[in-house]
Amino acid sequence: MRPGPLNLITDVAGLRVGNASDARVKTGVTVLTADAPFTAGVDIRGGAPGTRETDLLAPDKTVAAVDALVLSGGSAYGLDAASGVMEGLAAMGRGFAVGPARVPIVPAAILFDLLNGGDKDWPENPYRALGRAALEAAGTNFALGTQGAGTGALTARLKGGLGSASAVLPSGAVVGALVAANPVGCASMPDSRHFWAWPWEEDAEFGGLGAPSHRPRSLGLRDTKLARDRSATTIAIVATDATLDKAGCARLAVAAHDGLARAIAPSHTQMDGDLVFALSTGARPMPDPTETLLLGHAAAITLARAVARAIHGATPAPGDVLPAWCEL
């Protein structure tokens, strides 16, 4: 498997991603949408999730496709970002048709970034406007690092961020990942610039450091946020152009969670709300049922790479409470 031409989730044809950030608040929103509604599923492994409209993604629920997915900072306040996205999609004539009415379907997930040094004393919730702005900015190229939902993200020792990566399977199917990395744990090894995801790096995409020269020491409390605060959660989207139904998307999300476990230590804790959405554009027929195995494997590897790219791409900003990887 090799990365696609952009090495972004938008290598899956038809997808678009937009970011909107507020540097004063140190937060932001990332929106993924597409040329047409798409099939989606979700899997939640963390103990402290914050979500909107995820129940309808279950295979037995009526709605078959969604119009956008939202990743947001702001803890529960950030769920309002989906309202701004709905407004923007409605203005485009998008939405689930019920007679003459149309209701845009916009599942969302949030991470906790309220203790990152930003000014959170806002006069009104900023996330609705950020969601609308992120939708309007959506395109095939977008920035990584301190951007969108990753603007205020932190790991235990370093700034977190927004990451993305892609892979092309031998069959030609494309898999992409998008992540806002804000875990209780770390994406980098203790006392090292190396990332836990180093075995899967492609083309020096997160520093090209190669294998670490020594085995990392055992993790301790200082390698988690629990020694300082409890602000956490990594939220992600994996996508493919291979045809999957809602149940198949849910299974792809399950497999993709292995990528979080490979890239973050510890992961899926009771203080994380770790969540993965998975989507299919259905542009490519599934050539062989066994390809679902390869899709899941690719989703996990691609998501692990995206996590490392998120931290690698983070940049310093005034008022930061932790350094960026580039400052090490």
C-alpha atoms as a PDB file:
ATOM      1  CA  MET A   1       0.000   0.000   0.000  1.00  0.00           C
ATOM      2  CA  ARG A   2       1.196   3.469  -0.894  1.00  0.00           C
ATOM      3  CA  PRO A   3      -0.241   6.901  -0.066  1.00  0.00           C
ATOM      4  CA  GLY A   4      -2.507   8.590  -2.572  1.00  0.00           C
ATOM      5  CA  PRO A   5      -1.360  11.748  -4.399  1.00  0.00           C
ATOM      6  CA  LEU A   6      -2.441  14.127  -1.610  1.00  0.00           C
ATOM      7  CA  ASN A   7      -1.832  11.750   1.320  1.00  0.00           C
ATOM      8  CA  LEU A   8      -5.102  13.084   2.713  1.00  0.00           C
ATOM      9  CA  ILE A   9      -8.536  11.568   3.293  1.00  0.00           C
ATOM     10  CA  THR A  10      -9.665  13.525   0.219  1.00  0.00           C
ATOM     11  CA  ASP A  11      -7.759  11.060  -1.952  1.00  0.00           C
ATOM     12  CA  VAL A  12     -11.096   9.233  -1.665  1.00  0.00           C
ATOM     13  CA  ALA A  13     -12.740  10.890  -4.656  1.00  0.00           C
ATOM     14  CA  GLY A  14     -15.717  13.121  -3.933  1.00  0.00           C
ATOM     15  CA  LEU A  15     -14.772  13.985  -0.344  1.00  0.00           C
ATOM     16  CA  ARG A  16     -14.056  17.511   0.857  1.00  0.00           C
ATOM     17  CA  VAL A  17     -12.733  18.743   4.210  1.00  0.00           C
ATOM     18  CA  GLY A  18     -12.865  22.222   5.709  1.00  0.00           C
ATOM     19  CA  ASN A  19     -11.327  23.750   8.834  1.00  0.00           C
ATOM     20  CA  ALA A  20     -12.245  26.777  10.918  1.00  0.00           C
ATOM     21  CA  SER A  21     -10.278  27.949  13.970  1.00  0.00           C
ATOM     22  CA  ASP A  22     -10.418  30.576  16.692  1.00  0.00           C
ATOM     23  CA  ALA A  23      -6.860  31.386  17.806  1.00  0.00           C
ATOM     24  CA  ARG A  24      -7.998  33.389  20.843  1.00  0.00           C
ATOM     25  CA  VAL A  25     -10.143  30.579  22.197  1.00  0.00           C
ATOM     26  CA  LYS A  26      -7.629  27.950  20.959  1.00  0.00           C
ATOM     27  CA  THR A  27     -10.262  25.732  19.414  1.00  0.00           C
ATOM     28  CA  GLY A  28     -11.838  24.869  16.094  1.00  0.00           C
ATOM     29  CA  VAL A  29     -14.016  22.668  13.926  1.00  0.00           C
ATOM     30  CA  THR A  30     -13.338  20.294  11.043  1.00  0.00           C
ATOM     31  CA  VAL A  31     -16.096  19.237   8.643  1.00  0.00           C
ATOM     32  CA  LEU A  32     -16.052  16.398   6.119  1.00  0.00           C
ATOM     33  CA  THR A  33     -18.678  16.445   3.396  1.00  0.00           C
ATOM     34  CA  ALA A  34     -19.047  14.995  -0.079  1.00  0.00           C
ATOM     35  CA  ASP A  35     -20.554  15.589  -3.488  1.00  0.00           C
ATOM     36  CA  ALA A  36     -23.460  13.312  -2.511  1.00  0.00           C
ATOM     37  CA  PRO A  37     -24.765  11.686   0.682  1.00  0.00           C
ATOM     38  CA  PHE A  38     -22.631   8.766   1.841  1.00  0.00           C
ATOM     39  CA  THR A  39     -23.015   5.625   3.946  1.00  0.00           C
ATOM     40  CA  ALA A  40     -21.498   5.809   7.426  1.00  0.00           C
ATOM     41  CA  GLY A  41     -21.023   3.871  10.651  1.00  0.00           C
ATOM     42  CA  VAL A  42     -19.387   4.543  14.017  1.00  0.00           C
ATOM     43  CA  ASP A  43     -17.559   2.738  16.801  1.00  0.00           C
ATOM     44  CA  ILE A  44     -16.907   4.250  20.244  1.00  0.00           C
ATOM     45  CA  ARG A  45     -14.165   2.795  22.458  1.00  0.00           C
ATOM     46  CA  GLY A  46     -13.417   5.592  24.935  1.00  0.00           C
ATOM     47  CA  GLY A  47     -15.173   5.944  28.266  1.00  0.00           C
ATOM     48  CA  ALA A  48     -16.139   9.629  27.938  1.00  0.00           C
ATOM     49  CA  PRO A  49     -17.613  10.318  24.479  1.00  0.00           C
ATOM     50  CA  GLY A  50     -19.559  13.369  23.365  1.00  0.00           C
ATOM     51  CA  THR A  51     -21.698  12.835  20.270  1.00  0.00           C
ATOM     52  CA  ARG A  52     -24.671  13.988  18.217  1.00  0.00           C
ATOM     53  CA  GLU A  53     -26.781  11.910  15.799  1.00  0.00           C
ATOM     54  CA  THR A  54     -24.643   8.784  16.148  1.00  0.00           C
ATOM     55  CA  ASP A  55     -27.575   6.492  17.018  1.00  0.00           C
ATOM     56  CA  LEU A  56     -28.976   6.799  13.484  1.00  0.00           C
ATOM     57  CA  LEU A  57     -25.772   5.235  12.101  1.00  0.00           C
ATOM     58  CA  ALA A  58     -26.755   1.818  13.487  1.00  0.00           C
ATOM     59  CA  PRO A  59     -27.524  -0.672  10.695  1.00  0.00           C
ATOM     60  CA  ASP A  60     -31.148  -1.084  11.819  1.00  0.00           C
ATOM     61  CA  LYS A  61     -31.969   2.639  11.732  1.00  0.00           C
ATOM     62  CA  THR A  62     -33.958   4.225   8.883  1.00  0.00           C
ATOM     63  CA  VAL A  63     -31.616   6.888   7.506  1.00  0.00           C
ATOM     64  CA  ALA A  64     -29.308   5.241   4.964  1.00  0.00           C
ATOM     65  CA  ALA A  65     -26.853   8.073   4.268  1.00  0.00           C
ATOM     66  CA  VAL A  66     -25.496  11.257   5.831  1.00  0.00           C
ATOM     67  CA  ASP A  67     -24.521  14.653   4.418  1.00  0.00           C
ATOM     68  CA  ALA A  68     -21.513  15.535   6.572  1.00  0.00           C
ATOM     69  CA  LEU A  69     -19.490  14.512   9.613  1.00  0.00           C
ATOM     70  CA  VAL A  70     -18.212  17.004  12.183  1.00  0.00           C
ATOM     71  CA  LEU A  71     -15.178  16.868  14.477  1.00  0.00           C
ATOM     72  CA  SER A  72     -15.085  19.712  16.985  1.00  0.00           C
ATOM     73  CA  GLY A  73     -13.279  21.066  19.995  1.00  0.00           C
ATOM     74  CA  GLY A  74     -15.176  22.620  22.869  1.00  0.00           C
ATOM     75  CA  SER A  75     -16.439  19.603  24.773  1.00  0.00           C
ATOM     76  CA  ALA A  76     -20.265  19.580  24.835  1.00  0.00           C
ATOM     77  CA  TYR A  77     -20.343  23.201  23.627  1.00  0.00           C
ATOM     78  CA  GLY A  78     -18.765  21.982  20.385  1.00  0.00           C
ATOM     79  CA  LEU A  79     -21.759  19.837  19.497  1.00  0.00           C
ATOM     80  CA  ASP A  80     -23.439  23.064  18.367  1.00  0.00           C
ATOM     81  CA  ALA A  81     -21.009  23.137  15.415  1.00  0.00           C
ATOM     82  CA  ALA A  82     -23.303  20.623  13.702  1.00  0.00           C
ATOM     83  CA  SER A  83     -26.123  23.195  13.808  1.00  0.00           C
ATOM     84  CA  GLY A  84     -24.051  25.598  11.726  1.00  0.00           C
ATOM     85  CA  VAL A  85     -23.200  22.824   9.289  1.00  0.00           C
ATOM     86  CA  MET A  86     -26.884  21.908   8.996  1.00  0.00           C
ATOM     87  CA  GLU A  87     -27.748  25.512   8.177  1.00  0.00           C
ATOM     88  CA  GLY A  88     -25.108  25.614   5.449  1.00  0.00           C
ATOM     89  CA  LEU A  89     -26.195  22.321   3.937  1.00  0.00           C
ATOM     90  CA  ALA A  90     -29.855  23.378   4.011  1.00  0.00           C
ATOM     91  CA  ALA A  91     -28.921  26.499   2.081  1.00  0.00           C
ATOM     92  CA  MET A  92     -27.413  24.171  -0.556  1.00  0.00           C
ATOM     93  CA  GLY A  93     -30.645  22.163  -0.766  1.00  0.00           C
ATOM     94  CA  ARG A  94     -29.059  19.142   0.927  1.00  0.00           C
ATOM     95  CA  GLY A  95     -30.804  16.845   3.392  1.00  0.00           C
ATOM     96  CA  PHE A  96     -32.945  13.784   4.024  1.00  0.00           C
ATOM     97  CA  ALA A  97     -36.235  14.283   2.188  1.00  0.00           C
ATOM     98  CA  VAL A  98     -39.474  13.953   4.150  1.00  0.00           C
ATOM     99  CA  GLY A  99     -42.166  15.112   1.743  1.00  0.00           C
ATOM    100  CA  PRO A 100     -41.290  18.698   0.806  1.00  0.00           C
ATOM    101  CA  ALA A 101     -39.016  19.084   3.866  1.00  0.00           C
ATOM    102  CA  ARG A 102     -35.290  18.378   3.871  1.00  0.00           C
ATOM    103  CA  VAL A 103     -33.257  17.672   6.996  1.00  0.00           C
ATOM    104  CA  PRO A 104     -29.437  17.583   6.633  1.00  0.00           C
ATOM    105  CA  ILE A 105     -28.018  14.574   8.502  1.00  0.00           C
ATOM    106  CA  VAL A 106     -24.852  15.613  10.350  1.00  0.00           C
ATOM    107  CA  PRO A 107     -23.404  13.276  13.009  1.00  0.00           C
ATOM    108  CA  ALA A 108     -20.781  14.933  15.194  1.00  0.00           C
ATOM    109  CA  ALA A 109     -18.202  14.161  17.877  1.00  0.00           C
ATOM    110  CA  ILE A 110     -16.278  16.441  20.209  1.00  0.00           C
ATOM    111  CA  LEU A 111     -13.025  16.523  22.141  1.00  0.00           C
ATOM    112  CA  PHE A 112     -12.258  18.351  25.391  1.00  0.00           C
ATOM    113  CA  ASP A 113      -9.963  21.368  24.891  1.00  0.00           C
ATOM    114  CA  LEU A 114     -11.232  23.743  27.601  1.00  0.00           C
ATOM    115  CA  LEU A 115      -7.984  23.739  29.653  1.00  0.00           C
ATOM    116  CA  ASN A 116      -5.447  24.540  26.937  1.00  0.00           C
ATOM    117  CA  GLY A 117      -4.665  28.184  27.730  1.00  0.00           C
ATOM    118  CA  GLY A 118      -7.227  29.772  25.415  1.00  0.00           C
ATOM    119  CA  ASP A 119      -9.770  32.401  26.429  1.00  0.00           C
ATOM    120  CA  LYS A 120     -12.937  30.411  27.073  1.00  0.00           C
ATOM    121  CA  ASP A 121     -14.930  33.353  28.487  1.00  0.00           C
ATOM    122  CA  TRP A 122     -16.948  33.760  25.281  1.00  0.00           C
ATOM    123  CA  PRO A 123     -20.104  35.924  25.265  1.00  0.00           C
ATOM    124  CA  GLU A 124     -21.906  33.302  23.168  1.00  0.00           C
ATOM    125  CA  ASN A 125     -21.132  29.797  21.982  1.00  0.00           C
ATOM    126  CA  PRO A 126     -18.735  30.177  18.995  1.00  0.00           C
ATOM    127  CA  TYR A 127     -19.138  26.701  17.567  1.00  0.00           C
ATOM    128  CA  ARG A 128     -22.225  27.219  15.437  1.00  0.00           C
ATOM    129  CA  ALA A 129     -20.402  29.909  13.423  1.00  0.00           C
ATOM    130  CA  LEU A 130     -17.208  27.831  13.307  1.00  0.00           C
ATOM    131  CA  GLY A 131     -19.150  24.872  11.924  1.00  0.00           C
ATOM    132  CA  ARG A 132     -20.695  26.974   9.154  1.00  0.00           C
ATOM    133  CA  ALA A 133     -17.278  28.481   8.319  1.00  0.00           C
ATOM    134  CA  ALA A 134     -15.622  25.060   8.182  1.00  0.00           C
ATOM    135  CA  LEU A 135     -18.296  23.772   5.787  1.00  0.00           C
ATOM    136  CA  GLU A 136     -17.844  26.797   3.535  1.00  0.00           C
ATOM    137  CA  ALA A 137     -14.066  26.217   3.507  1.00  0.00           C
ATOM    138  CA  ALA A 138     -14.361  22.560   2.482  1.00  0.00           C
ATOM    139  CA  GLY A 139     -12.119  21.447  -0.366  1.00  0.00           C
ATOM    140  CA  THR A 140      -9.766  18.675  -1.414  1.00  0.00           C
ATOM    141  CA  ASN A 141      -6.681  20.366   0.088  1.00  0.00           C
ATOM    142  CA  PHE A 142      -6.581  21.357   3.745  1.00  0.00           C
ATOM    143  CA  ALA A 143      -3.947  22.094   6.373  1.00  0.00           C
ATOM    144  CA  LEU A 144      -2.830  19.769   9.163  1.00  0.00           C
ATOM    145  CA  GLY A 145      -1.464  20.336  12.658  1.00  0.00           C
ATOM    146  CA  THR A 146      -2.811  23.296  14.628  1.00  0.00           C
ATOM    147  CA  GLN A 147      -5.926  23.550  12.493  1.00  0.00           C
ATOM    148  CA  GLY A 148      -9.660  22.937  12.752  1.00  0.00           C
ATOM    149  CA  ALA A 149     -10.675  20.528  15.499  1.00  0.00           C
ATOM    150  CA  GLY A 150      -6.980  20.055  16.313  1.00  0.00           C
ATOM    151  CA  THR A 151      -6.335  23.745  17.025  1.00  0.00           C
ATOM    152  CA  GLY A 152      -6.422  23.373  20.796  1.00  0.00           C
ATOM    153  CA  ALA A 153      -5.617  19.678  21.078  1.00  0.00           C
ATOM    154  CA  LEU A 154      -2.994  18.406  23.519  1.00  0.00           C
ATOM    155  CA  THR A 155      -1.303  15.115  24.280  1.00  0.00           C
ATOM    156  CA  ALA A 156       0.201  14.414  27.706  1.00  0.00           C
ATOM    157  CA  ARG A 157       3.561  15.999  26.806  1.00  0.00           C
ATOM    158  CA  LEU A 158       3.079  17.856  23.516  1.00  0.00           C
ATOM    159  CA  LYS A 159       0.525  19.760  21.478  1.00  0.00           C
ATOM    160  CA  GLY A 160      -1.890  17.570  19.592  1.00  0.00           C
ATOM    161  CA  GLY A 161      -3.438  18.483  16.268  1.00  0.00           C
ATOM    162  CA  LEU A 162      -5.304  17.522  13.117  1.00  0.00           C
ATOM    163  CA  GLY A 163      -3.859  14.735  10.983  1.00  0.00           C
ATOM    164  CA  SER A 164      -4.716  12.903   7.783  1.00  0.00           C
ATOM    165  CA  ALA A 165      -3.254  10.194   5.558  1.00  0.00           C
ATOM    166  CA  SER A 166      -4.285   7.853   2.748  1.00  0.00           C
ATOM    167  CA  ALA A 167      -3.434   4.505   1.197  1.00  0.00           C
ATOM    168  CA  VAL A 168      -4.154   2.846  -2.147  1.00  0.00           C
ATOM    169  CA  LEU A 169      -4.732  -0.911  -2.001  1.00  0.00           C
ATOM    170  CA  PRO A 170      -3.507  -3.320  -4.705  1.00  0.00           C
ATOM    171  CA  SER A 171      -7.089  -3.526  -6.028  1.00  0.00           C
ATOM    172  CA  GLY A 172      -7.130   0.250  -6.527  1.00  0.00           C
ATOM    173  CA  ALA A 173      -9.473   0.890  -3.601  1.00  0.00           C
ATOM    174  CA  VAL A 174      -8.546   3.972  -1.583  1.00  0.00           C
ATOM    175  CA  VAL A 175      -8.631   4.331   2.192  1.00  0.00           C
ATOM    176  CA  GLY A 176      -8.161   7.637   4.001  1.00  0.00           C
ATOM    177  CA  ALA A 177      -8.104   8.815   7.611  1.00  0.00           C
ATOM    178  CA  LEU A 178      -8.745  12.126   9.351  1.00  0.00           C
ATOM    179  CA  VAL A 179      -8.115  12.616  13.081  1.00  0.00           C
ATOM    180  CA  ALA A 180      -8.181  15.251  15.797  1.00  0.00           C
ATOM    181  CA  ALA A 181      -5.652  13.876  18.298  1.00  0.00           C
ATOM    182  CA  ASN A 182      -6.150  15.013  21.896  1.00  0.00           C
ATOM    183  CA  PRO A 183      -5.477  11.874  23.969  1.00  0.00           C
ATOM    184  CA  VAL A 184      -4.932  11.264  27.669  1.00  0.00           C
ATOM    185  CA  GLY A 185      -1.709   9.565  26.594  1.00  0.00           C
ATOM    186  CA  CYS A 186       1.059  10.325  24.117  1.00  0.00           C
ATOM    187  CA  ALA A 187       1.694   9.747  20.427  1.00  0.00           C
ATOM    188  CA  SER A 188       5.455  10.006  20.998  1.00  0.00           C
ATOM    189  CA  MET A 189       7.676   7.692  23.023  1.00  0.00           C
ATOM    190  CA  PRO A 190       8.900   8.715  26.482  1.00  0.00           C
ATOM    191  CA  ASP A 191      12.103  10.805  26.396  1.00  0.00           C
ATOM    192  CA  SER A 192      12.135  10.639  22.595  1.00  0.00           C
ATOM    193  CA  ARG A 193      11.058  12.446  19.434  1.00  0.00           C
ATOM    194  CA  HIS A 194      10.030   9.112  17.910  1.00  0.00           C
ATOM    195  CA  PHE A 195       6.373   8.353  17.333  1.00  0.00           C
ATOM    196  CA  TRP A 196       4.755   5.098  18.389  1.00  0.00           C
ATOM    197  CA  ALA A 197       3.513   4.856  14.787  1.00  0.00           C
ATOM    198  CA  TRP A 198       7.045   4.894  13.318  1.00  0.00           C
ATOM    199  CA  PRO A 199       6.866   1.374  11.745  1.00  0.00           C
ATOM    200  CA  TRP A 200       4.121   2.538   9.363  1.00  0.00           C
ATOM    201  CA  GLU A 201       5.630   5.863   8.271  1.00  0.00           C
ATOM    202  CA  GLU A 202       5.601   6.603   4.533  1.00  0.00           C
ATOM    203  CA  ASP A 203       8.036   8.974   2.789  1.00  0.00           C
ATOM    204  CA  ALA A 204       9.241  10.682   5.995  1.00  0.00           C
ATOM    205  CA  GLU A 205       5.725  12.052   6.522  1.00  0.00           C
ATOM    206  CA  PHE A 206       6.303  12.620  10.222  1.00  0.00           C
ATOM    207  CA  GLY A 207      10.004  13.299  10.487  1.00  0.00           C
ATOM    208  CA  GLY A 208      11.666  10.264   8.949  1.00  0.00           C
ATOM    209  CA  LEU A 209      13.491   9.372  12.182  1.00  0.00           C
ATOM    210  CA  GLY A 210      13.376   5.641  11.526  1.00  0.00           C
ATOM    211  CA  ALA A 211      13.506   3.089  14.323  1.00  0.00           C
ATOM    212  CA  PRO A 212      14.295   4.282  17.864  1.00  0.00           C
ATOM    213  CA  SER A 213      17.795   3.451  19.071  1.00  0.00           C
ATOM    214  CA  HIS A 214      16.599   1.986  22.358  1.00  0.00           C
ATOM    215  CA  ARG A 215      13.534   0.433  23.867  1.00  0.00           C
ATOM    216  CA  PRO A 216      11.374   3.127  25.497  1.00  0.00           C
ATOM    217  CA  ARG A 217      11.064   3.075  29.264  1.00  0.00           C
ATOM    218  CA  SER A 218       7.824   1.952  30.834  1.00  0.00           C
ATOM    219  CA  LEU A 219       4.973   4.428  30.847  1.00  0.00           C
ATOM    220  CA  GLY A 220       4.281   6.306  34.062  1.00  0.00           C
ATOM    221  CA  LEU A 221       1.654   8.736  35.302  1.00  0.00           C
ATOM    222  CA  ARG A 222       3.558  11.682  33.823  1.00  0.00           C
ATOM    223  CA  ASP A 223       2.992  10.126  30.400  1.00  0.00           C
ATOM    224  CA  THR A 224      -0.737  10.797  30.781  1.00  0.00           C
ATOM    225  CA  LYS A 225      -2.829  13.904  31.380  1.00  0.00           C
ATOM    226  CA  LEU A 226      -4.135  12.461  34.626  1.00  0.00           C
ATOM    227  CA  ALA A 227      -1.194  14.026  36.487  1.00  0.00           C
ATOM    228  CA  ARG A 228      -2.362  17.469  35.319  1.00  0.00           C
ATOM    229  CA  ASP A 229      -6.006  17.439  34.215  1.00  0.00           C
ATOM    230  CA  ARG A 230      -8.555  15.198  32.542  1.00  0.00           C
ATOM    231  CA  SER A 231      -8.971  16.930  29.183  1.00  0.00           C
ATOM    232  CA  ALA A 232      -8.886  14.323  26.453  1.00  0.00           C
ATOM    233  CA  THR A 233     -10.401  12.407  23.517  1.00  0.00           C
ATOM    234  CA  THR A 234      -9.237  11.456  20.037  1.00  0.00           C
ATOM    235  CA  ILE A 235     -11.922  11.547  17.335  1.00  0.00           C
ATOM    236  CA  ALA A 236     -11.440  10.298  13.797  1.00  0.00           C
ATOM    237  CA  ILE A 237     -12.970   9.482  10.429  1.00  0.00           C
ATOM    238  CA  VAL A 238     -11.852   6.725   8.066  1.00  0.00           C
ATOM    239  CA  ALA A 239     -13.169   6.595   4.517  1.00  0.00           C
ATOM    240  CA  THR A 240     -13.082   4.374   1.464  1.00  0.00           C
ATOM    241  CA  ASP A 241     -14.448   4.390  -2.069  1.00  0.00           C
ATOM    242  CA  ALA A 242     -15.128   0.640  -1.815  1.00  0.00           C
ATOM    243  CA  THR A 243     -18.834  -0.161  -1.500  1.00  0.00           C
ATOM    244  CA  LEU A 244     -19.889  -0.917   2.080  1.00  0.00           C
ATOM    245  CA  ASP A 245     -23.303  -0.911   3.734  1.00  0.00           C
ATOM    246  CA  LYS A 246     -23.880   0.574   7.201  1.00  0.00           C
ATOM    247  CA  ALA A 247     -22.859  -2.671   8.908  1.00  0.00           C
ATOM    248  CA  GLY A 248     -19.699  -2.815   6.802  1.00  0.00           C
ATOM    249  CA  CYS A 249     -18.855   0.776   7.755  1.00  0.00           C
ATOM    250  CA  ALA A 250     -19.318  -0.078  11.421  1.00  0.00           C
ATOM    251  CA  ARG A 251     -16.896  -2.987  11.057  1.00  0.00           C
ATOM    252  CA  LEU A 252     -14.399  -0.716   9.295  1.00  0.00           C
ATOM    253  CA  ALA A 253     -14.598   1.690  12.249  1.00  0.00           C
ATOM    254  CA  VAL A 254     -13.945  -1.201  14.652  1.00  0.00           C
ATOM    255  CA  ALA A 255     -10.826  -2.208  12.721  1.00  0.00           C
ATOM    256  CA  ALA A 256      -9.613   1.390  12.479  1.00  0.00           C
ATOM    257  CA  HIS A 257      -9.511   1.702  16.265  1.00  0.00           C
ATOM    258  CA  ASP A 258      -6.450  -0.568  16.156  1.00  0.00           C
ATOM    259  CA  GLY A 259      -4.686   2.387  14.578  1.00  0.00           C
ATOM    260  CA  LEU A 260      -5.326   4.515  17.654  1.00  0.00           C
ATOM    261  CA  ALA A 261      -3.917   1.747  19.856  1.00  0.00           C
ATOM    262  CA  ARG A 262      -0.803   1.556  17.662  1.00  0.00           C
ATOM    263  CA  ALA A 263      -0.224   5.316  17.673  1.00  0.00           C
ATOM    264  CA  ILE A 264      -1.221   6.402  21.199  1.00  0.00           C
ATOM    265  CA  ALA A 265      -0.145   5.019  24.586  1.00  0.00           C
ATOM    266  CA  PRO A 266      -2.312   4.556  26.535  1.00  0.00           C
ATOM    267  CA  SER A 267      -5.421   4.720  24.360  1.00  0.00           C
ATOM    268  CA  HIS A 268      -9.155   4.103  24.853  1.00  0.00           C
ATOM    269  CA  THR A 269      -9.000   5.081  28.525  1.00  0.00           C
ATOM    270  CA  GLN A 270     -11.985   5.859  30.710  1.00  0.00           C
ATOM    271  CA  MET A 271     -11.160   9.578  30.397  1.00  0.00           C
ATOM    272  CA  ASP A 272     -10.954   9.487  26.581  1.00  0.00           C
ATOM    273  CA  GLY A 273     -14.028   9.642  24.371  1.00  0.00           C
ATOM    274  CA  ASP A 274     -12.216   7.859  21.545  1.00  0.00           C
ATOM    275  CA  LEU A 275     -14.504   7.492  18.529  1.00  0.00           C
ATOM    276  CA  VAL A 276     -14.086   6.536  14.878  1.00  0.00           C
ATOM    277  CA  PHE A 277     -16.605   7.270  12.134  1.00  0.00           C
ATOM    278  CA  ALA A 278     -16.242   5.183   8.963  1.00  0.00           C
ATOM    279  CA  LEU A 279     -17.758   6.036   5.595  1.00  0.00           C
ATOM    280  CA  SER A 280     -18.116   4.629   2.115  1.00  0.00           C
ATOM    281  CA  THR A 281     -18.749   6.665  -1.014  1.00  0.00           C
ATOM    282  CA  GLY A 282     -19.678   3.464  -2.866  1.00  0.00           C
ATOM    283  CA  ALA A 283     -17.825   4.540  -6.002  1.00  0.00           C
ATOM    284  CA  ARG A 284     -15.959   1.230  -6.398  1.00  0.00           C
ATOM    285  CA  PRO A 285     -17.615  -2.221  -6.295  1.00  0.00           C
ATOM    286  CA  MET A 286     -16.107  -4.582  -3.761  1.00  0.00           C
ATOM    287  CA  PRO A 287     -14.189  -7.023  -6.008  1.00  0.00           C
ATOM    288  CA  ASP A 288     -13.929  -9.748  -3.389  1.00  0.00           C
ATOM    289  CA  PRO A 289     -15.597 -10.102   0.029  1.00  0.00           C
ATOM    290  CA  THR A 290     -12.181 -10.894   1.516  1.00  0.00           C
ATOM    291  CA  GLU A 291     -11.081  -7.369   0.617  1.00  0.00           C
ATOM    292  CA  THR A 292     -12.924  -6.156   3.711  1.00  0.00           C
ATOM    293  CA  LEU A 293     -10.034  -7.645   5.690  1.00  0.00           C
ATOM    294  CA  LEU A 294      -7.528  -5.549   3.760  1.00  0.00           C
ATOM    295  CA  LEU A 295      -9.709  -2.457   4.088  1.00  0.00           C
ATOM    296  CA  GLY A 296      -9.732  -2.812   7.860  1.00  0.00           C
ATOM    297  CA  HIS A 297      -5.974  -3.370   7.987  1.00  0.00           C
ATOM    298  CA  ALA A 298      -5.391  -0.338   5.780  1.00  0.00           C
ATOM    299  CA  ALA A 299      -7.755   1.786   7.877  1.00  0.00           C
ATOM    300  CA  ALA A 300      -5.831   0.959  11.062  1.00  0.00           C
ATOM    301  CA  ILE A 301      -2.415   1.699   9.544  1.00  0.00           C
ATOM    302  CA  THR A 302      -3.624   4.872   7.844  1.00  0.00           C
ATOM    303  CA  LEU A 303      -5.211   6.160  11.051  1.00  0.00           C
ATOM    304  CA  ALA A 304      -2.001   5.468  13.012  1.00  0.00           C
ATOM    305  CA  ARG A 305      -0.058   7.500  10.445  1.00  0.00           C
ATOM    306  CA  ALA A 306      -2.624  10.303  10.619  1.00  0.00           C
ATOM    307  CA  VAL A 307      -2.219  10.546  14.404  1.00  0.00           C
ATOM    308  CA  ALA A 308       1.548  10.970  14.097  1.00  0.00           C
ATOM    309  CA  ARG A 309       1.105  13.529  11.305  1.00  0.00           C
ATOM    310  CA  ALA A 310      -1.240  15.502  13.572  1.00  0.00           C
ATOM    311  CA  ILE A 311       1.372  15.917  16.310  1.00  0.00           C
ATOM    312  CA  HIS A 312       4.233  16.352  13.828  1.00  0.00           C
ATOM    313  CA  GLY A 313       2.364  19.212  12.122  1.00  0.00           C
ATOM    314  CA  ALA A 314       1.457  21.170  15.271  1.00  0.00           C
ATOM    315  CA  THR A 315       2.908  24.673  15.525  1.00  0.00           C
ATOM    316  CA  PRO A 316       3.597  26.964  18.509  1.00  0.00           C
ATOM    317  CA  ALA A 317       1.149  29.731  19.411  1.00  0.00           C
ATOM    318  CA  PRO A 318       1.024  32.423  22.131  1.00  0.00           C
ATOM    319  CA  GLY A 319      -0.352  31.151  25.420  1.00  0.00           C
ATOM    320  CA  ASP A 320       0.443  27.478  24.775  1.00  0.00           C
ATOM    321  CA  VAL A 321       0.623  25.294  27.859  1.00  0.00           C
ATOM    322  CA  LEU A 322       2.724  22.606  26.138  1.00  0.00           C
ATOM    323  CA  PRO A 323       5.428  22.710  23.418  1.00  0.00           C
ATOM    324  CA  ALA A 324       4.913  21.574  19.847  1.00  0.00           C
ATOM    325  CA  TRP A 325       6.863  18.569  18.508  1.00  0.00           C
ATOM    326  CA  CYS A 326       8.826  20.901  16.222  1.00  0.00           C
ATOM    327  CA  GLU A 327      10.222  22.693  19.302  1.00  0.00           C
ATOM    328  CA  LEU A 328      11.840  19.564  20.765  1.00  0.00           C
END
